[in-house]
Amino acid sequence: AGKPGLNCRIDIELEDERLCIRTDE
């Protein structure tokens, strides 16, 4: 069964930068 939860990371490449959005509060 484990513990309930979601965990993810979104990696985005723009023209001049990279963004990383992670699951948090």
mmCIF file of all heavy atoms, coordinates in Angstrom:
data_MODEL
# 
_entry.id   MODEL 
# 
loop_
_atom_site.group_PDB 
_atom_site.id 
_atom_site.type_symbol 
_atom_site.label_atom_id 
_atom_site.label_alt_id 
_atom_site.label_comp_id 
_atom_site.label_asym_id 
_atom_site.label_entity_id 
_atom_site.label_seq_id 
_atom_site.pdbx_PDB_ins_code 
_atom_site.Cartn_x 
_atom_site.Cartn_y 
_atom_site.Cartn_z 
_atom_site.occupancy 
_atom_site.B_iso_or_equiv 
_atom_site.pdbx_formal_charge 
_atom_site.auth_seq_id 
_atom_site.auth_comp_id 
_atom_site.auth_asym_id 
_atom_site.auth_atom_id 
_atom_site.pdbx_PDB_model_num 
ATOM 1   N N   . ALA A 1 1  ? 0.809  -1.217 0.000   1.00 0.00 ? 1  ALA A N   1 
ATOM 2   C CA  . ALA A 1 1  ? 0.000  0.000  0.000   1.00 0.00 ? 1  ALA A CA  1 
ATOM 3   C C   . ALA A 1 1  ? 0.845  1.270  0.000   1.00 0.00 ? 1  ALA A C   1 
ATOM 4   O O   . ALA A 1 1  ? 0.570  2.202  -0.735  1.00 0.00 ? 1  ALA A O   1 
ATOM 5   C CB  . ALA A 1 1  ? -0.937 0.003  1.202   1.00 0.00 ? 1  ALA A CB  1 
ATOM 6   N N   . GLY A 1 2  ? 1.877  1.356  0.817   1.00 0.00 ? 2  GLY A N   1 
ATOM 7   C CA  . GLY A 1 2  ? 2.683  2.575  0.873   1.00 0.00 ? 2  GLY A CA  1 
ATOM 8   C C   . GLY A 1 2  ? 1.903  3.758  1.419   1.00 0.00 ? 2  GLY A C   1 
ATOM 9   O O   . GLY A 1 2  ? 0.745  3.636  1.805   1.00 0.00 ? 2  GLY A O   1 
ATOM 10  N N   . LYS A 1 3  ? 2.537  4.924  1.418   1.00 0.00 ? 3  LYS A N   1 
ATOM 11  C CA  . LYS A 1 3  ? 1.880  6.153  1.870   1.00 0.00 ? 3  LYS A CA  1 
ATOM 12  C C   . LYS A 1 3  ? 1.308  6.876  0.659   1.00 0.00 ? 3  LYS A C   1 
ATOM 13  O O   . LYS A 1 3  ? 1.879  6.816  -0.426  1.00 0.00 ? 3  LYS A O   1 
ATOM 14  C CB  . LYS A 1 3  ? 2.881  7.062  2.575   1.00 0.00 ? 3  LYS A CB  1 
ATOM 15  C CG  . LYS A 1 3  ? 3.379  6.506  3.887   1.00 0.00 ? 3  LYS A CG  1 
ATOM 16  C CD  . LYS A 1 3  ? 4.177  7.548  4.659   1.00 0.00 ? 3  LYS A CD  1 
ATOM 17  C CE  . LYS A 1 3  ? 5.574  7.644  4.130   1.00 0.00 ? 3  LYS A CE  1 
ATOM 18  N NZ  . LYS A 1 3  ? 6.443  8.511  4.920   1.00 0.00 ? 3  LYS A NZ  1 
ATOM 19  N N   . PRO A 1 4  ? 0.197  7.607  0.834   1.00 0.00 ? 4  PRO A N   1 
ATOM 20  C CA  . PRO A 1 4  ? -0.351 8.350  -0.299  1.00 0.00 ? 4  PRO A CA  1 
ATOM 21  C C   . PRO A 1 4  ? 0.565  9.512  -0.663  1.00 0.00 ? 4  PRO A C   1 
ATOM 22  O O   . PRO A 1 4  ? 1.258  10.057 0.194   1.00 0.00 ? 4  PRO A O   1 
ATOM 23  C CB  . PRO A 1 4  ? -1.696 8.849  0.221   1.00 0.00 ? 4  PRO A CB  1 
ATOM 24  C CG  . PRO A 1 4  ? -1.505 8.964  1.692   1.00 0.00 ? 4  PRO A CG  1 
ATOM 25  C CD  . PRO A 1 4  ? -0.574 7.843  2.061   1.00 0.00 ? 4  PRO A CD  1 
ATOM 26  N N   . GLY A 1 5  ? 0.570  9.873  -1.932  1.00 0.00 ? 5  GLY A N   1 
ATOM 27  C CA  . GLY A 1 5  ? 1.353  11.034 -2.313  1.00 0.00 ? 5  GLY A CA  1 
ATOM 28  C C   . GLY A 1 5  ? 1.544  11.183 -3.805  1.00 0.00 ? 5  GLY A C   1 
ATOM 29  O O   . GLY A 1 5  ? 1.328  10.262 -4.577  1.00 0.00 ? 5  GLY A O   1 
ATOM 30  N N   . LEU A 1 6  ? 1.944  12.390 -4.175  1.00 0.00 ? 6  LEU A N   1 
ATOM 31  C CA  . LEU A 1 6  ? 2.297  12.744 -5.545  1.00 0.00 ? 6  LEU A CA  1 
ATOM 32  C C   . LEU A 1 6  ? 3.660  13.413 -5.489  1.00 0.00 ? 6  LEU A C   1 
ATOM 33  O O   . LEU A 1 6  ? 3.950  14.183 -4.572  1.00 0.00 ? 6  LEU A O   1 
ATOM 34  C CB  . LEU A 1 6  ? 1.289  13.728 -6.141  1.00 0.00 ? 6  LEU A CB  1 
ATOM 35  C CG  . LEU A 1 6  ? 1.706  14.346 -7.489  1.00 0.00 ? 6  LEU A CG  1 
ATOM 36  C CD1 . LEU A 1 6  ? 1.540  13.330 -8.606  1.00 0.00 ? 6  LEU A CD1 1 
ATOM 37  C CD2 . LEU A 1 6  ? 0.929  15.592 -7.779  1.00 0.00 ? 6  LEU A CD2 1 
ATOM 38  N N   . ASN A 1 7  ? 4.488  13.123 -6.477  1.00 0.00 ? 7  ASN A N   1 
ATOM 39  C CA  . ASN A 1 7  ? 5.814  13.713 -6.551  1.00 0.00 ? 7  ASN A CA  1 
ATOM 40  C C   . ASN A 1 7  ? 6.107  13.976 -8.017  1.00 0.00 ? 7  ASN A C   1 
ATOM 41  O O   . ASN A 1 7  ? 6.009  13.065 -8.839  1.00 0.00 ? 7  ASN A O   1 
ATOM 42  C CB  . ASN A 1 7  ? 6.847  12.748 -5.959  1.00 0.00 ? 7  ASN A CB  1 
ATOM 43  C CG  . ASN A 1 7  ? 8.200  13.365 -5.751  1.00 0.00 ? 7  ASN A CG  1 
ATOM 44  O OD1 . ASN A 1 7  ? 8.493  14.426 -6.272  1.00 0.00 ? 7  ASN A OD1 1 
ATOM 45  N ND2 . ASN A 1 7  ? 9.035  12.685 -4.990  1.00 0.00 ? 7  ASN A ND2 1 
ATOM 46  N N   . CYS A 1 8  ? 6.421  15.219 -8.380  1.00 0.00 ? 8  CYS A N   1 
ATOM 47  C CA  . CYS A 1 8  ? 6.738  15.479 -9.788  1.00 0.00 ? 8  CYS A CA  1 
ATOM 48  C C   . CYS A 1 8  ? 7.683  16.654 -9.961  1.00 0.00 ? 8  CYS A C   1 
ATOM 49  O O   . CYS A 1 8  ? 7.907  17.436 -9.036  1.00 0.00 ? 8  CYS A O   1 
ATOM 50  C CB  . CYS A 1 8  ? 5.479  15.634 -10.628 1.00 0.00 ? 8  CYS A CB  1 
ATOM 51  S SG  . CYS A 1 8  ? 4.586  17.140 -10.428 1.00 0.00 ? 8  CYS A SG  1 
ATOM 52  N N   . ARG A 1 9  ? 8.231  16.723 -11.156 1.00 0.00 ? 9  ARG A N   1 
ATOM 53  C CA  . ARG A 1 9  ? 9.133  17.801 -11.553 1.00 0.00 ? 9  ARG A CA  1 
ATOM 54  C C   . ARG A 1 9  ? 8.790  18.188 -12.986 1.00 0.00 ? 9  ARG A C   1 
ATOM 55  O O   . ARG A 1 9  ? 8.669  17.332 -13.861 1.00 0.00 ? 9  ARG A O   1 
ATOM 56  C CB  . ARG A 1 9  ? 10.580 17.335 -11.476 1.00 0.00 ? 9  ARG A CB  1 
ATOM 57  C CG  . ARG A 1 9  ? 11.586 18.431 -11.844 1.00 0.00 ? 9  ARG A CG  1 
ATOM 58  C CD  . ARG A 1 9  ? 13.023 17.925 -11.876 1.00 0.00 ? 9  ARG A CD  1 
ATOM 59  N NE  . ARG A 1 9  ? 13.200 17.095 -13.065 1.00 0.00 ? 9  ARG A NE  1 
ATOM 60  C CZ  . ARG A 1 9  ? 13.835 15.923 -13.074 1.00 0.00 ? 9  ARG A CZ  1 
ATOM 61  N NH1 . ARG A 1 9  ? 14.317 15.409 -11.976 1.00 0.00 ? 9  ARG A NH1 1 
ATOM 62  N NH2 . ARG A 1 9  ? 13.970 15.253 -14.192 1.00 0.00 ? 9  ARG A NH2 1 
ATOM 63  N N   . ILE A 1 10 ? 8.667  19.486 -13.229 1.00 0.00 ? 10 ILE A N   1 
ATOM 64  C CA  . ILE A 1 10 ? 8.415  20.013 -14.567 1.00 0.00 ? 10 ILE A CA  1 
ATOM 65  C C   . ILE A 1 10 ? 9.674  20.743 -15.010 1.00 0.00 ? 10 ILE A C   1 
ATOM 66  O O   . ILE A 1 10 ? 10.137 21.658 -14.327 1.00 0.00 ? 10 ILE A O   1 
ATOM 67  C CB  . ILE A 1 10 ? 7.215  20.988 -14.572 1.00 0.00 ? 10 ILE A CB  1 
ATOM 68  C CG1 . ILE A 1 10 ? 5.986  20.332 -13.951 1.00 0.00 ? 10 ILE A CG1 1 
ATOM 69  C CG2 . ILE A 1 10 ? 6.946  21.485 -15.984 1.00 0.00 ? 10 ILE A CG2 1 
ATOM 70  C CD1 . ILE A 1 10 ? 4.880  21.308 -13.601 1.00 0.00 ? 10 ILE A CD1 1 
ATOM 71  N N   . ASP A 1 11 ? 10.257 20.324 -16.121 1.00 0.00 ? 11 ASP A N   1 
ATOM 72  C CA  . ASP A 1 11 ? 11.447 20.967 -16.676 1.00 0.00 ? 11 ASP A CA  1 
ATOM 73  C C   . ASP A 1 11 ? 11.039 21.701 -17.941 1.00 0.00 ? 11 ASP A C   1 
ATOM 74  O O   . ASP A 1 11 ? 10.478 21.089 -18.860 1.00 0.00 ? 11 ASP A O   1 
ATOM 75  C CB  . ASP A 1 11 ? 12.521 19.920 -16.999 1.00 0.00 ? 11 ASP A CB  1 
ATOM 76  C CG  . ASP A 1 11 ? 13.063 19.275 -15.740 1.00 0.00 ? 11 ASP A CG  1 
ATOM 77  O OD1 . ASP A 1 11 ? 13.558 20.013 -14.868 1.00 0.00 ? 11 ASP A OD1 1 
ATOM 78  O OD2 . ASP A 1 11 ? 12.991 18.034 -15.628 1.00 0.00 ? 11 ASP A OD2 1 
ATOM 79  N N   . ILE A 1 12 ? 11.322 23.018 -17.975 1.00 0.00 ? 12 ILE A N   1 
ATOM 80  C CA  . ILE A 1 12 ? 10.900 23.859 -19.091 1.00 0.00 ? 12 ILE A CA  1 
ATOM 81  C C   . ILE A 1 12 ? 12.120 24.574 -19.663 1.00 0.00 ? 12 ILE A C   1 
ATOM 82  O O   . ILE A 1 12 ? 12.907 25.180 -18.932 1.00 0.00 ? 12 ILE A O   1 
ATOM 83  C CB  . ILE A 1 12 ? 9.853  24.898 -18.635 1.00 0.00 ? 12 ILE A CB  1 
ATOM 84  C CG1 . ILE A 1 12 ? 8.650  24.184 -18.017 1.00 0.00 ? 12 ILE A CG1 1 
ATOM 85  C CG2 . ILE A 1 12 ? 9.440  25.793 -19.796 1.00 0.00 ? 12 ILE A CG2 1 
ATOM 86  C CD1 . ILE A 1 12 ? 7.707  25.096 -17.272 1.00 0.00 ? 12 ILE A CD1 1 
ATOM 87  N N   . GLU A 1 13 ? 12.251 24.491 -20.989 1.00 0.00 ? 13 GLU A N   1 
ATOM 88  C CA  . GLU A 1 13 ? 13.344 25.181 -21.674 1.00 0.00 ? 13 GLU A CA  1 
ATOM 89  C C   . GLU A 1 13 ? 12.759 26.326 -22.490 1.00 0.00 ? 13 GLU A C   1 
ATOM 90  O O   . GLU A 1 13 ? 12.028 26.115 -23.461 1.00 0.00 ? 13 GLU A O   1 
ATOM 91  C CB  . GLU A 1 13 ? 14.084 24.208 -22.592 1.00 0.00 ? 13 GLU A CB  1 
ATOM 92  C CG  . GLU A 1 13 ? 15.259 24.831 -23.278 1.00 0.00 ? 13 GLU A CG  1 
ATOM 93  C CD  . GLU A 1 13 ? 15.973 23.853 -24.203 1.00 0.00 ? 13 GLU A CD  1 
ATOM 94  O OE1 . GLU A 1 13 ? 15.671 22.645 -24.177 1.00 0.00 ? 13 GLU A OE1 1 
ATOM 95  O OE2 . GLU A 1 13 ? 16.826 24.328 -24.967 1.00 0.00 ? 13 GLU A OE2 1 
ATOM 96  N N   . LEU A 1 14 ? 13.080 27.554 -22.066 1.00 0.00 ? 14 LEU A N   1 
ATOM 97  C CA  . LEU A 1 14 ? 12.682 28.747 -22.799 1.00 0.00 ? 14 LEU A CA  1 
ATOM 98  C C   . LEU A 1 14 ? 13.833 29.166 -23.703 1.00 0.00 ? 14 LEU A C   1 
ATOM 99  O O   . LEU A 1 14 ? 14.881 28.519 -23.719 1.00 0.00 ? 14 LEU A O   1 
ATOM 100 C CB  . LEU A 1 14 ? 12.320 29.866 -21.821 1.00 0.00 ? 14 LEU A CB  1 
ATOM 101 C CG  . LEU A 1 14 ? 11.149 29.558 -20.875 1.00 0.00 ? 14 LEU A CG  1 
ATOM 102 C CD1 . LEU A 1 14 ? 11.007 30.652 -19.839 1.00 0.00 ? 14 LEU A CD1 1 
ATOM 103 C CD2 . LEU A 1 14 ? 9.856  29.371 -21.650 1.00 0.00 ? 14 LEU A CD2 1 
ATOM 104 N N   . GLU A 1 15 ? 13.659 30.236 -24.432 1.00 0.00 ? 15 GLU A N   1 
ATOM 105 C CA  . GLU A 1 15 ? 14.691 30.704 -25.359 1.00 0.00 ? 15 GLU A CA  1 
ATOM 106 C C   . GLU A 1 15 ? 16.022 30.967 -24.651 1.00 0.00 ? 15 GLU A C   1 
ATOM 107 O O   . GLU A 1 15 ? 17.074 30.603 -25.142 1.00 0.00 ? 15 GLU A O   1 
ATOM 108 C CB  . GLU A 1 15 ? 14.208 31.980 -26.073 1.00 0.00 ? 15 GLU A CB  1 
ATOM 109 C CG  . GLU A 1 15 ? 15.049 32.385 -27.248 1.00 0.00 ? 15 GLU A CG  1 
ATOM 110 C CD  . GLU A 1 15 ? 15.002 31.366 -28.378 1.00 0.00 ? 15 GLU A CD  1 
ATOM 111 O OE1 . GLU A 1 15 ? 13.932 30.806 -28.655 1.00 0.00 ? 15 GLU A OE1 1 
ATOM 112 O OE2 . GLU A 1 15 ? 16.070 31.140 -28.984 1.00 0.00 ? 15 GLU A OE2 1 
ATOM 113 N N   . ASP A 1 16 ? 15.960 31.611 -23.484 1.00 0.00 ? 16 ASP A N   1 
ATOM 114 C CA  . ASP A 1 16 ? 17.205 32.017 -22.820 1.00 0.00 ? 16 ASP A CA  1 
ATOM 115 C C   . ASP A 1 16 ? 17.344 31.530 -21.373 1.00 0.00 ? 16 ASP A C   1 
ATOM 116 O O   . ASP A 1 16 ? 18.219 31.989 -20.647 1.00 0.00 ? 16 ASP A O   1 
ATOM 117 C CB  . ASP A 1 16 ? 17.338 33.537 -22.852 1.00 0.00 ? 16 ASP A CB  1 
ATOM 118 C CG  . ASP A 1 16 ? 16.134 34.228 -22.235 1.00 0.00 ? 16 ASP A CG  1 
ATOM 119 O OD1 . ASP A 1 16 ? 15.143 33.541 -21.924 1.00 0.00 ? 16 ASP A OD1 1 
ATOM 120 O OD2 . ASP A 1 16 ? 16.185 35.449 -22.060 1.00 0.00 ? 16 ASP A OD2 1 
ATOM 121 N N   . GLU A 1 17 ? 16.494 30.616 -20.934 1.00 0.00 ? 17 GLU A N   1 
ATOM 122 C CA  . GLU A 1 17 ? 16.601 30.095 -19.572 1.00 0.00 ? 17 GLU A CA  1 
ATOM 123 C C   . GLU A 1 17 ? 15.905 28.754 -19.428 1.00 0.00 ? 17 GLU A C   1 
ATOM 124 O O   . GLU A 1 17 ? 15.104 28.363 -20.267 1.00 0.00 ? 17 GLU A O   1 
ATOM 125 C CB  . GLU A 1 17 ? 16.043 31.089 -18.543 1.00 0.00 ? 17 GLU A CB  1 
ATOM 126 C CG  . GLU A 1 17 ? 14.539 31.265 -18.594 1.00 0.00 ? 17 GLU A CG  1 
ATOM 127 C CD  . GLU A 1 17 ? 14.020 32.224 -17.536 1.00 0.00 ? 17 GLU A CD  1 
ATOM 128 O OE1 . GLU A 1 17 ? 14.377 32.078 -16.354 1.00 0.00 ? 17 GLU A OE1 1 
ATOM 129 O OE2 . GLU A 1 17 ? 13.246 33.116 -17.911 1.00 0.00 ? 17 GLU A OE2 1 
ATOM 130 N N   . ARG A 1 18 ? 16.245 28.083 -18.352 1.00 0.00 ? 18 ARG A N   1 
ATOM 131 C CA  . ARG A 1 18 ? 15.603 26.815 -18.012 1.00 0.00 ? 18 ARG A CA  1 
ATOM 132 C C   . ARG A 1 18 ? 14.895 26.986 -16.675 1.00 0.00 ? 18 ARG A C   1 
ATOM 133 O O   . ARG A 1 18 ? 15.446 27.578 -15.751 1.00 0.00 ? 18 ARG A O   1 
ATOM 134 C CB  . ARG A 1 18 ? 16.622 25.686 -17.900 1.00 0.00 ? 18 ARG A CB  1 
ATOM 135 C CG  . ARG A 1 18 ? 17.217 25.281 -19.219 1.00 0.00 ? 18 ARG A CG  1 
ATOM 136 C CD  . ARG A 1 18 ? 18.218 24.146 -19.016 1.00 0.00 ? 18 ARG A CD  1 
ATOM 137 N NE  . ARG A 1 18 ? 18.830 23.788 -20.272 1.00 0.00 ? 18 ARG A NE  1 
ATOM 138 C CZ  . ARG A 1 18 ? 18.449 22.764 -21.020 1.00 0.00 ? 18 ARG A CZ  1 
ATOM 139 N NH1 . ARG A 1 18 ? 17.459 21.992 -20.622 1.00 0.00 ? 18 ARG A NH1 1 
ATOM 140 N NH2 . ARG A 1 18 ? 19.058 22.501 -22.152 1.00 0.00 ? 18 ARG A NH2 1 
ATOM 141 N N   . LEU A 1 19 ? 13.685 26.459 -16.592 1.00 0.00 ? 19 LEU A N   1 
ATOM 142 C CA  . LEU A 1 19 ? 12.915 26.513 -15.354 1.00 0.00 ? 19 LEU A CA  1 
ATOM 143 C C   . LEU A 1 19 ? 12.675 25.103 -14.848 1.00 0.00 ? 19 LEU A C   1 
ATOM 144 O O   . LEU A 1 19 ? 12.511 24.170 -15.636 1.00 0.00 ? 19 LEU A O   1 
ATOM 145 C CB  . LEU A 1 19 ? 11.563 27.187 -15.589 1.00 0.00 ? 19 LEU A CB  1 
ATOM 146 C CG  . LEU A 1 19 ? 11.574 28.601 -16.149 1.00 0.00 ? 19 LEU A CG  1 
ATOM 147 C CD1 . LEU A 1 19 ? 10.154 29.047 -16.450 1.00 0.00 ? 19 LEU A CD1 1 
ATOM 148 C CD2 . LEU A 1 19 ? 12.231 29.546 -15.161 1.00 0.00 ? 19 LEU A CD2 1 
ATOM 149 N N   . CYS A 1 20 ? 12.628 24.959 -13.537 1.00 0.00 ? 20 CYS A N   1 
ATOM 150 C CA  . CYS A 1 20 ? 12.315 23.672 -12.920 1.00 0.00 ? 20 CYS A CA  1 
ATOM 151 C C   . CYS A 1 20 ? 11.277 23.921 -11.839 1.00 0.00 ? 20 CYS A C   1 
ATOM 152 O O   . CYS A 1 20 ? 11.507 24.691 -10.905 1.00 0.00 ? 20 CYS A O   1 
ATOM 153 C CB  . CYS A 1 20 ? 13.576 23.045 -12.330 1.00 0.00 ? 20 CYS A CB  1 
ATOM 154 S SG  . CYS A 1 20 ? 13.266 21.436 -11.594 1.00 0.00 ? 20 CYS A SG  1 
ATOM 155 N N   . ILE A 1 21 ? 10.124 23.306 -11.992 1.00 0.00 ? 21 ILE A N   1 
ATOM 156 C CA  . ILE A 1 21 ? 9.042  23.434 -11.019 1.00 0.00 ? 21 ILE A CA  1 
ATOM 157 C C   . ILE A 1 21 ? 8.855  22.069 -10.381 1.00 0.00 ? 21 ILE A C   1 
ATOM 158 O O   . ILE A 1 21 ? 8.610  21.086 -11.080 1.00 0.00 ? 21 ILE A O   1 
ATOM 159 C CB  . ILE A 1 21 ? 7.733  23.899 -11.699 1.00 0.00 ? 21 ILE A CB  1 
ATOM 160 C CG1 . ILE A 1 21 ? 7.957  25.251 -12.375 1.00 0.00 ? 21 ILE A CG1 1 
ATOM 161 C CG2 . ILE A 1 21 ? 6.595  23.950 -10.691 1.00 0.00 ? 21 ILE A CG2 1 
ATOM 162 C CD1 . ILE A 1 21 ? 6.828  25.678 -13.289 1.00 0.00 ? 21 ILE A CD1 1 
ATOM 163 N N   . ARG A 1 22 ? 8.993  22.004 -9.072  1.00 0.00 ? 22 ARG A N   1 
ATOM 164 C CA  . ARG A 1 22 ? 8.871  20.733 -8.342  1.00 0.00 ? 22 ARG A CA  1 
ATOM 165 C C   . ARG A 1 22 ? 7.683  20.780 -7.389  1.00 0.00 ? 22 ARG A C   1 
ATOM 166 O O   . ARG A 1 22 ? 7.276  21.857 -6.957  1.00 0.00 ? 22 ARG A O   1 
ATOM 167 C CB  . ARG A 1 22 ? 10.140 20.468 -7.534  1.00 0.00 ? 22 ARG A CB  1 
ATOM 168 C CG  . ARG A 1 22 ? 11.388 20.320 -8.385  1.00 0.00 ? 22 ARG A CG  1 
ATOM 169 C CD  . ARG A 1 22 ? 12.627 20.222 -7.508  1.00 0.00 ? 22 ARG A CD  1 
ATOM 170 N NE  . ARG A 1 22 ? 13.844 20.275 -8.283  1.00 0.00 ? 22 ARG A NE  1 
ATOM 171 C CZ  . ARG A 1 22 ? 14.584 19.222 -8.591  1.00 0.00 ? 22 ARG A CZ  1 
ATOM 172 N NH1 . ARG A 1 22 ? 14.232 18.025 -8.193  1.00 0.00 ? 22 ARG A NH1 1 
ATOM 173 N NH2 . ARG A 1 22 ? 15.683 19.355 -9.292  1.00 0.00 ? 22 ARG A NH2 1 
ATOM 174 N N   . THR A 1 23 ? 7.167  19.605 -7.070  1.00 0.00 ? 23 THR A N   1 
ATOM 175 C CA  . THR A 1 23 ? 6.097  19.557 -6.079  1.00 0.00 ? 23 THR A CA  1 
ATOM 176 C C   . THR A 1 23 ? 6.637  20.048 -4.742  1.00 0.00 ? 23 THR A C   1 
ATOM 177 O O   . THR A 1 23 ? 7.726  19.684 -4.327  1.00 0.00 ? 23 THR A O   1 
ATOM 178 C CB  . THR A 1 23 ? 5.523  18.137 -5.920  1.00 0.00 ? 23 THR A CB  1 
ATOM 179 O OG1 . THR A 1 23 ? 6.582  17.194 -5.870  1.00 0.00 ? 23 THR A OG1 1 
ATOM 180 C CG2 . THR A 1 23 ? 4.561  17.783 -7.028  1.00 0.00 ? 23 THR A CG2 1 
ATOM 181 N N   . ASP A 1 24 ? 5.839  20.911 -4.102  1.00 0.00 ? 24 ASP A N   1 
ATOM 182 C CA  . ASP A 1 24 ? 6.159  21.436 -2.786  1.00 0.00 ? 24 ASP A CA  1 
ATOM 183 C C   . ASP A 1 24 ? 4.862  21.908 -2.138  1.00 0.00 ? 24 ASP A C   1 
ATOM 184 O O   . ASP A 1 24 ? 3.770  21.634 -2.664  1.00 0.00 ? 24 ASP A O   1 
ATOM 185 C CB  . ASP A 1 24 ? 7.202  22.563 -2.867  1.00 0.00 ? 24 ASP A CB  1 
ATOM 186 C CG  . ASP A 1 24 ? 6.743  23.760 -3.692  1.00 0.00 ? 24 ASP A CG  1 
ATOM 187 O OD1 . ASP A 1 24 ? 5.524  23.916 -3.936  1.00 0.00 ? 24 ASP A OD1 1 
ATOM 188 O OD2 . ASP A 1 24 ? 7.602  24.556 -4.100  1.00 0.00 ? 24 ASP A OD2 1 
ATOM 189 N N   . GLU A 1 25 ? 4.963  22.648 -1.046  1.00 0.00 ? 25 GLU A N   1 
ATOM 190 C CA  . GLU A 1 25 ? 3.771  23.072 -0.305  1.00 0.00 ? 25 GLU A CA  1 
ATOM 191 C C   . GLU A 1 25 ? 2.914  24.077 -1.061  1.00 0.00 ? 25 GLU A C   1 
ATOM 192 O O   . GLU A 1 25 ? 1.786  24.365 -0.652  1.00 0.00 ? 25 GLU A O   1 
ATOM 193 C CB  . GLU A 1 25 ? 4.173  23.637 1.069   1.00 0.00 ? 25 GLU A CB  1 
ATOM 194 C CG  . GLU A 1 25 ? 4.927  24.952 1.028   1.00 0.00 ? 25 GLU A CG  1 
ATOM 195 C CD  . GLU A 1 25 ? 6.412  24.817 0.695   1.00 0.00 ? 25 GLU A CD  1 
ATOM 196 O OE1 . GLU A 1 25 ? 6.950  23.691 0.657   1.00 0.00 ? 25 GLU A OE1 1 
ATOM 197 O OE2 . GLU A 1 25 ? 7.039  25.853 0.446   1.00 0.00 ? 25 GLU A OE2 1 
# 
